[in-house]
Structures are given as structure tokens and as C-alpha cells.
Amino acid sequence: MNEFELIHRLTRALPGNESLVTGAGDDCAVIDLGLPDRLVLFKADAVVEGIHFTPEAPPEKIGHKALARCLSDIAAMGGVPNSALVTLALPRHFDSGRIETIYAGMSALARRYEVAIAGGETVLNPERLLISVALLGTVARDRCILRAGARAGDAIFVTGELGGSLAGRHLEFEPRVAEGRWLAEHFSIHAMIDLSDGLAGDLRHLLKAGHVGAELLASAIPISRSARVASKAETSAKPPLLAALTDGEDFELLFTVASRDAVPLLDAWKKQFPKLKLSCIGKVTAGEGVTIRDKQGVRPLTAHGYVHFS
């Protein structure tokens, strides 16, 4: 049983209440607490030593990543982060200086995004370090962007460059909070998700939510320099395109928009975010499944992203 099969089993009969707008299955839970113009976003995420970072990773970057993962999910909903609680699970013989530096890295990122770290929990975890962050945010009632909503004919966009995250970017990425909020405020974004498990995997989550398919253009997928360098330097490395599709932990935004808005959006983006690349990588199609078009023609996309327990 892989991660998503387990999630399906655990969430198919979860209790809700009248305040829950969107529950499990999106980047954040969406909650209506009666605020006149805002909905509340609620997200929890964890990083585990040996899975998301190595014991040798710089501690300030571990703290950065622990919070940045949740910030990226708030960004994917077009929201603004507000406050966090942190659960720290530690082995018995921990290095207090290392833990303090982890918190310093987390706090530095929190200050940049005006996020309050309001407390949390500490607990013994005999095997390894684990950090779990629960984050609250808000979003305008009429501007919350879900995974569902992609429509046949939509253009598919992705921010930044993809692949090669293990070269270090997975520890120091900048969550696209400002970009997600700007998209929500200025365009009718049909669906959006952040790329945590790889383009090939996360695109399928977005398409499944909207009951649609997609055709990608191989030459348009923005491949990072790290992925290209790795493929030349290591005989065992993935081809650059495959790395961009499957490496994961890019934490860029993937979204769809009506084709008529594609050019105006690109033009406005270049003025607003001149240092961050935005690429149109394909189109949403009717039916299901993902294909990719390259010089040899159109073929089914068989690559998948990262899946826990698989």
C-alpha cells in the first residue's frame, strides 16, 4: 500500500462540520469561521531525518525547509500565512545547539513572511529527529484556488525550473507566496498545486481533481541547471527531462488558466516577477491520462513522481 492508497483509506469517512469547506485532498484545508471576507487555511506537514534531510544537513536549512513546505501549500491556495505551531520529536541524546540553530532558520523565514511561531510540542522520538509544522493562513473568500477546476483547453503553467533538487535546492527553496497571491488577485486561475512530489505526480493530482487529462510539450518544460549538470557528471543520473518530471521537492507552482488569458498573464508576469521564469508547458485535455509531445510525436507519459511507501 503506497502513500496515496493509505490516505484514501484513512480519509474516506472522516467527520466534518458546518465550518469545513474543503478537507483532505487539497494543499490546505479550507475553513469558514464566519469572517466577513476571509476563509481560513489550515496545513500540517513534517520533515523526517533520513527522508527529507540528512544528519549532515546545515541545521538552519532544516528549519527553513520545515516551515517553507507549509508556506508553499498556502501559496498554492493563493493565501497569506499567519501563525504556526511546531512539534519537535527528538532522540534522547540530542544536540541542543543544533536544535537551537534549526529554530533560528525557521524563525528567520517566519519573520520574512510575518508568521508568528506561537508555540508547539516537544516529545521523545528514539530513532531520529522529526519536525512537524501546523500553519494557519487566510485567503479572500472569492479568491481561494483549489486543485479542482481545471478545464479542457486550459493552458498549463509552471513557475521556476524543475529537477535536480538534491543538489541542495530542496533545503533552501523560496516558497512562492507572493506569486500565488498575485495570481489569485489578478487572474482567474482555474486550479493550482505546489510541486512537492514531482511534476509527473503532482500534475496527476490536479487532473484527477478536475476529471481531465493533459498533453505536455517536452521542449517547454523548464529544466534546472542542476539537473542538466548532474546528467553530464554522473553516469547513473537521470536524463534531464526525466529529472524535471520526477525528482520532486521543486516547490514551484503548477496552475491552469483559460487559454485566452495565457498571453496577458505571461506579459503581466514578466513585469511583476522579472527574475522568476514562468513557462507554459502544455494544455488540459478532455478525458483522462497524460501524454507528452516531443520530436518523435505524442506518447503516454509513464513517469511518476515520488510516492512514500512505494
Protein backbone atom coordinates (compact mmCIF):
# COMPACT_ATOMS: atom_id res chain seq x y z
CA MET A 1 0.00 0.00 0.00
CA ASN A 2 1.53 3.32 -1.03
CA GLU A 3 1.04 6.78 0.46
CA PHE A 4 -1.99 7.74 -1.61
CA GLU A 5 -3.78 4.43 -1.16
CA LEU A 6 -3.36 4.80 2.59
CA ILE A 7 -4.58 8.41 2.53
CA HIS A 8 -7.67 7.31 0.61
CA ARG A 9 -8.48 4.64 3.21
CA LEU A 10 -7.95 6.99 6.13
CA THR A 11 -9.90 9.96 4.76
CA ARG A 12 -12.92 8.39 3.07
CA ALA A 13 -15.05 8.54 6.24
CA LEU A 14 -13.56 11.41 8.23
CA PRO A 15 -16.05 13.54 10.20
CA GLY A 16 -16.65 17.12 9.13
CA ASN A 17 -18.71 20.02 10.43
CA GLU A 18 -20.51 23.04 9.06
CA SER A 19 -17.33 25.15 9.02
CA LEU A 20 -15.32 22.79 6.79
CA VAL A 21 -15.33 23.99 3.18
CA THR A 22 -12.57 21.76 1.77
CA GLY A 23 -10.94 18.92 3.67
CA ALA A 24 -8.40 16.23 2.84
CA GLY A 25 -7.33 16.12 -0.80
CA ASP A 26 -6.13 19.66 -1.40
CA ASP A 27 -2.98 21.57 -0.46
CA CYS A 28 -4.69 23.04 2.61
CA ALA A 29 -7.94 22.51 4.45
CA VAL A 30 -10.31 25.46 3.91
CA ILE A 31 -12.42 26.52 6.89
CA ASP A 32 -15.21 29.10 7.16
CA LEU A 33 -15.13 30.65 10.65
CA GLY A 34 -17.55 33.43 9.80
CA LEU A 35 -15.00 36.11 8.94
CA PRO A 36 -16.70 38.63 6.65
CA ASP A 37 -14.26 38.50 3.73
CA ARG A 38 -11.76 35.73 4.51
CA LEU A 39 -11.57 31.96 4.69
CA VAL A 40 -9.07 30.22 6.94
CA LEU A 41 -6.41 27.89 5.52
CA PHE A 42 -5.00 25.10 7.71
CA LYS A 43 -1.99 22.96 6.83
CA ALA A 44 0.26 20.43 8.59
CA ASP A 45 3.49 18.97 7.23
CA ALA A 46 6.52 17.12 8.62
CA VAL A 47 10.17 16.63 7.77
CA VAL A 48 11.97 13.49 8.93
CA GLU A 49 15.70 12.92 9.27
CA GLY A 50 16.87 10.43 6.68
CA ILE A 51 13.88 11.14 4.44
CA HIS A 52 13.74 14.91 3.92
CA PHE A 53 17.24 15.80 5.08
CA THR A 54 20.44 14.02 6.09
CA PRO A 55 22.06 14.19 9.53
CA GLU A 56 24.82 16.30 7.95
CA ALA A 57 22.44 18.97 6.56
CA PRO A 58 23.04 22.51 7.88
CA PRO A 59 20.60 22.88 10.79
CA GLU A 60 19.40 26.36 9.81
CA LYS A 61 18.38 24.94 6.41
CA ILE A 62 16.46 22.11 8.10
CA GLY A 63 14.43 24.72 9.98
CA HIS A 64 13.91 26.73 6.82
CA LYS A 65 12.60 23.68 4.96
CA ALA A 66 10.29 22.59 7.78
CA LEU A 67 8.33 25.85 7.63
CA ALA A 68 8.79 26.55 3.90
CA ARG A 69 6.96 23.34 2.93
CA CYS A 70 3.80 24.60 4.66
CA LEU A 71 4.23 28.10 3.25
CA SER A 72 4.35 26.57 -0.23
CA ASP A 73 0.96 24.94 0.35
CA ILE A 74 -0.54 28.24 1.49
CA ALA A 75 0.89 29.78 -1.71
CA ALA A 76 -0.84 27.13 -3.83
CA MET A 77 -4.22 28.30 -2.49
CA GLY A 78 -3.49 31.99 -3.16
CA GLY A 79 -3.35 32.64 0.59
CA VAL A 80 -1.42 34.59 3.19
CA PRO A 81 0.27 32.71 6.08
CA ASN A 82 -0.36 33.84 9.64
CA SER A 83 0.79 31.63 12.52
CA ALA A 84 2.36 28.24 13.19
CA LEU A 85 2.72 25.58 15.86
CA VAL A 86 5.78 23.33 15.81
CA THR A 87 6.03 19.75 17.09
CA LEU A 88 9.60 18.69 17.73
CA ALA A 89 10.29 14.96 18.14
CA LEU A 90 13.85 14.32 19.37
CA PRO A 91 16.09 11.34 20.09
CA ARG A 92 17.17 11.05 23.72
CA HIS A 93 20.73 12.27 23.18
CA PHE A 94 20.14 15.35 21.04
CA ASP A 95 22.46 18.30 20.42
CA SER A 96 20.77 21.35 21.92
CA GLY A 97 22.91 23.73 19.87
CA ARG A 98 21.80 22.03 16.67
CA ILE A 99 18.15 22.29 17.68
CA GLU A 100 18.51 25.98 18.52
CA THR A 101 20.05 26.61 15.09
CA ILE A 102 17.18 24.72 13.43
CA TYR A 103 14.78 27.08 15.19
CA ALA A 104 16.86 30.07 14.14
CA GLY A 105 16.49 29.03 10.49
CA MET A 106 12.76 28.54 10.93
CA SER A 107 12.39 31.88 12.72
CA ALA A 108 14.30 33.79 10.04
CA LEU A 109 11.89 32.54 7.37
CA ALA A 110 8.87 33.19 9.61
CA ARG A 111 9.92 36.82 10.11
CA ARG A 112 10.22 37.36 6.35
CA TYR A 113 6.62 36.25 5.88
CA GLU A 114 5.30 37.83 9.10
CA VAL A 115 4.39 34.42 10.52
CA ALA A 116 4.10 34.04 14.28
CA ILE A 117 5.53 30.84 15.73
CA ALA A 118 3.03 30.57 18.53
CA GLY A 119 4.29 27.51 20.37
CA GLY A 120 4.02 23.78 19.90
CA GLU A 121 5.09 20.50 21.48
CA THR A 122 8.29 18.60 22.24
CA VAL A 123 8.38 14.82 22.55
CA LEU A 124 10.86 11.94 22.68
CA ASN A 125 11.37 10.05 19.42
CA PRO A 126 14.07 7.39 19.94
CA GLU A 127 15.19 6.86 16.36
CA ARG A 128 15.55 10.22 14.64
CA LEU A 129 14.67 13.91 14.50
CA LEU A 130 11.20 14.81 13.25
CA ILE A 131 9.71 18.30 12.91
CA SER A 132 6.01 18.82 12.20
CA VAL A 133 4.57 22.26 11.47
CA ALA A 134 0.89 23.20 11.59
CA LEU A 135 0.25 26.51 9.81
CA LEU A 136 -2.77 28.80 9.68
CA GLY A 137 -3.39 31.32 6.92
CA THR A 138 -6.21 33.21 5.27
CA VAL A 139 -7.45 33.81 1.75
CA ALA A 140 -10.07 36.12 0.24
CA ARG A 141 -13.44 34.34 0.04
CA ASP A 142 -13.71 34.81 -3.71
CA ARG A 143 -10.05 34.08 -4.50
CA CYS A 144 -9.32 30.69 -2.94
CA ILE A 145 -7.73 28.42 -5.57
CA LEU A 146 -8.30 24.67 -5.30
CA ARG A 147 -6.77 21.72 -7.14
CA ALA A 148 -10.13 21.05 -8.76
CA GLY A 149 -11.29 23.37 -11.54
CA ALA A 150 -9.00 22.67 -14.50
CA ARG A 151 -10.96 22.68 -17.76
CA ALA A 152 -10.30 21.18 -21.17
CA GLY A 153 -8.47 23.75 -23.27
CA ASP A 154 -6.75 25.44 -20.32
CA ALA A 155 -3.09 26.37 -20.63
CA ILE A 156 -0.80 24.72 -18.06
CA PHE A 157 1.88 26.90 -16.46
CA VAL A 158 4.72 26.26 -14.05
CA THR A 159 6.95 28.73 -12.22
CA GLY A 160 10.74 28.47 -12.00
CA GLU A 161 12.81 25.49 -13.10
CA LEU A 162 12.45 21.81 -12.26
CA GLY A 163 14.67 18.88 -11.32
CA GLY A 164 17.96 18.46 -9.52
CA SER A 165 16.62 19.44 -6.10
CA LEU A 166 19.01 17.08 -4.29
CA ALA A 167 21.89 19.36 -5.28
CA GLY A 168 20.75 21.50 -2.33
CA ARG A 169 17.75 23.45 -3.55
CA HIS A 170 15.34 21.27 -1.55
CA LEU A 171 16.80 22.79 1.63
CA GLU A 172 16.80 26.44 0.57
CA PHE A 173 13.88 26.99 -1.82
CA GLU A 174 11.79 30.13 -1.53
CA PRO A 175 8.05 29.41 -1.21
CA ARG A 176 6.07 31.24 -3.90
CA VAL A 177 3.71 33.03 -1.51
CA ALA A 178 3.84 36.43 -3.20
CA GLU A 179 3.44 34.84 -6.62
CA GLY A 180 0.46 32.70 -5.57
CA ARG A 181 -1.29 35.66 -4.01
CA TRP A 182 -0.65 37.83 -7.07
CA LEU A 183 -2.05 35.16 -9.38
CA ALA A 184 -5.19 34.86 -7.24
CA GLU A 185 -5.72 38.62 -7.15
CA HIS A 186 -5.14 39.40 -10.82
CA PHE A 187 -6.29 36.37 -12.85
CA SER A 188 -8.96 33.71 -12.84
CA ILE A 189 -6.77 30.73 -12.01
CA HIS A 190 -8.80 27.55 -12.51
CA ALA A 191 -6.62 25.14 -10.48
CA MET A 192 -3.25 25.21 -8.72
CA ILE A 193 -0.92 22.91 -6.77
CA ASP A 194 2.64 23.19 -5.47
CA LEU A 195 5.21 20.73 -6.77
CA SER A 196 6.42 18.67 -3.83
CA ASP A 197 6.45 15.15 -5.32
CA GLY A 198 7.48 15.99 -8.90
CA LEU A 199 5.68 17.39 -11.94
CA ALA A 200 4.63 13.96 -13.22
CA GLY A 201 2.97 13.10 -9.92
CA ASP A 202 1.50 16.41 -8.82
CA LEU A 203 0.07 17.18 -12.25
CA ARG A 204 -1.91 13.95 -11.99
CA HIS A 205 -3.33 15.05 -8.61
CA LEU A 206 -4.55 18.28 -10.19
CA LEU A 207 -6.01 16.48 -13.20
CA LYS A 208 -7.71 13.83 -11.06
CA ALA A 209 -9.39 16.55 -9.00
CA GLY A 210 -10.75 18.14 -12.18
CA HIS A 211 -11.58 14.86 -14.02
CA VAL A 212 -9.49 15.93 -17.01
CA GLY A 213 -6.27 14.96 -18.80
CA ALA A 214 -3.25 16.82 -20.18
CA GLU A 215 -0.77 16.99 -23.02
CA LEU A 216 2.70 18.27 -22.12
CA LEU A 217 5.24 19.73 -24.53
CA ALA A 218 8.65 18.23 -23.70
CA SER A 219 10.64 21.14 -25.11
CA ALA A 220 8.72 23.65 -22.96
CA ILE A 221 9.38 22.01 -19.58
CA PRO A 222 11.90 24.23 -17.75
CA ILE A 223 14.82 22.05 -16.67
CA SER A 224 17.13 23.34 -13.95
CA ARG A 225 20.87 23.70 -14.43
CA SER A 226 21.37 21.27 -11.53
CA ALA A 227 19.51 18.53 -13.40
CA ARG A 228 21.49 19.15 -16.59
CA VAL A 229 24.85 19.20 -14.78
CA ALA A 230 24.05 16.00 -12.86
CA SER A 231 23.19 14.14 -16.05
CA LYS A 232 26.59 15.03 -17.55
CA ALA A 233 28.63 14.39 -14.41
CA GLU A 234 27.09 11.11 -13.23
CA THR A 235 26.55 8.06 -15.41
CA SER A 236 23.79 6.90 -13.06
CA ALA A 237 21.94 10.25 -13.10
CA LYS A 238 18.54 10.61 -14.73
CA PRO A 239 18.22 12.28 -18.12
CA PRO A 240 17.44 15.98 -17.53
CA LEU A 241 13.84 15.79 -18.73
CA LEU A 242 13.11 12.77 -16.54
CA ALA A 243 14.67 14.57 -13.56
CA ALA A 244 12.44 17.60 -14.18
CA LEU A 245 9.40 15.33 -14.30
CA THR A 246 10.13 13.12 -11.30
CA ASP A 247 12.77 14.45 -8.88
CA GLY A 248 10.30 16.29 -6.64
CA GLU A 249 10.81 18.93 -3.96
CA ASP A 250 10.86 21.76 -6.51
CA PHE A 251 8.13 23.65 -4.60
CA GLU A 252 7.17 25.64 -7.66
CA LEU A 253 3.56 26.45 -8.56
CA LEU A 254 1.71 24.48 -11.24
CA PHE A 255 -1.56 26.02 -12.41
CA THR A 256 -4.08 26.20 -15.23
CA VAL A 257 -5.79 29.18 -16.77
CA ALA A 258 -8.11 29.74 -19.73
CA SER A 259 -6.15 29.81 -22.98
CA ARG A 260 -7.38 33.35 -23.73
CA ASP A 261 -5.62 34.57 -20.57
CA ALA A 262 -2.30 32.86 -21.30
CA VAL A 263 -0.56 35.67 -23.19
CA PRO A 264 -1.85 38.52 -20.94
CA LEU A 265 -0.73 36.54 -17.91
CA LEU A 266 2.75 35.93 -19.32
CA ASP A 267 3.15 39.62 -20.19
CA ALA A 268 2.00 40.76 -16.75
CA TRP A 269 4.19 38.17 -15.02
CA LYS A 270 7.35 39.40 -16.74
CA LYS A 271 6.70 42.90 -15.41
CA GLN A 272 5.78 41.76 -11.89
CA PHE A 273 8.37 38.98 -11.41
CA PRO A 274 11.17 39.66 -13.93
CA LYS A 275 13.65 37.34 -12.15
CA LEU A 276 11.38 34.28 -11.97
CA LYS A 277 10.70 32.20 -15.05
CA LEU A 278 7.14 31.27 -15.99
CA SER A 279 6.59 28.57 -18.62
CA CYS A 280 3.53 27.35 -20.49
CA ILE A 281 4.20 23.61 -20.65
CA GLY A 282 1.05 22.18 -22.21
CA LYS A 283 -2.71 22.11 -22.25
CA VAL A 284 -5.55 20.44 -20.40
CA THR A 285 -7.46 17.86 -22.43
CA ALA A 286 -10.84 16.18 -22.13
CA GLY A 287 -10.89 12.65 -20.76
CA GLU A 288 -8.18 11.21 -18.56
CA GLY A 289 -4.46 10.45 -18.80
CA VAL A 290 -1.30 12.43 -19.53
CA THR A 291 0.60 12.45 -22.81
CA ILE A 292 3.83 14.19 -23.76
CA ARG A 293 4.75 15.58 -27.18
CA ASP A 294 8.37 15.51 -28.35
CA LYS A 295 10.22 15.20 -31.66
CA GLN A 296 9.04 11.59 -32.03
CA GLY A 297 5.37 12.54 -31.66
CA VAL A 298 2.84 12.14 -28.86
CA ARG A 299 3.10 9.26 -26.37
CA PRO A 300 1.66 8.40 -22.96
CA LEU A 301 3.62 9.81 -20.03
CA THR A 302 4.66 6.79 -17.97
CA ALA A 303 6.90 8.62 -15.47
CA HIS A 304 5.57 9.24 -11.96
CA GLY A 305 6.72 11.42 -9.09
CA TYR A 306 7.86 10.43 -5.61
CA VAL A 307 5.48 8.27 -3.57
CA HIS A 308 6.10 7.31 0.06
CA PHE A 309 5.95 3.55 0.85
CA SER A 310 6.21 2.56 -2.84
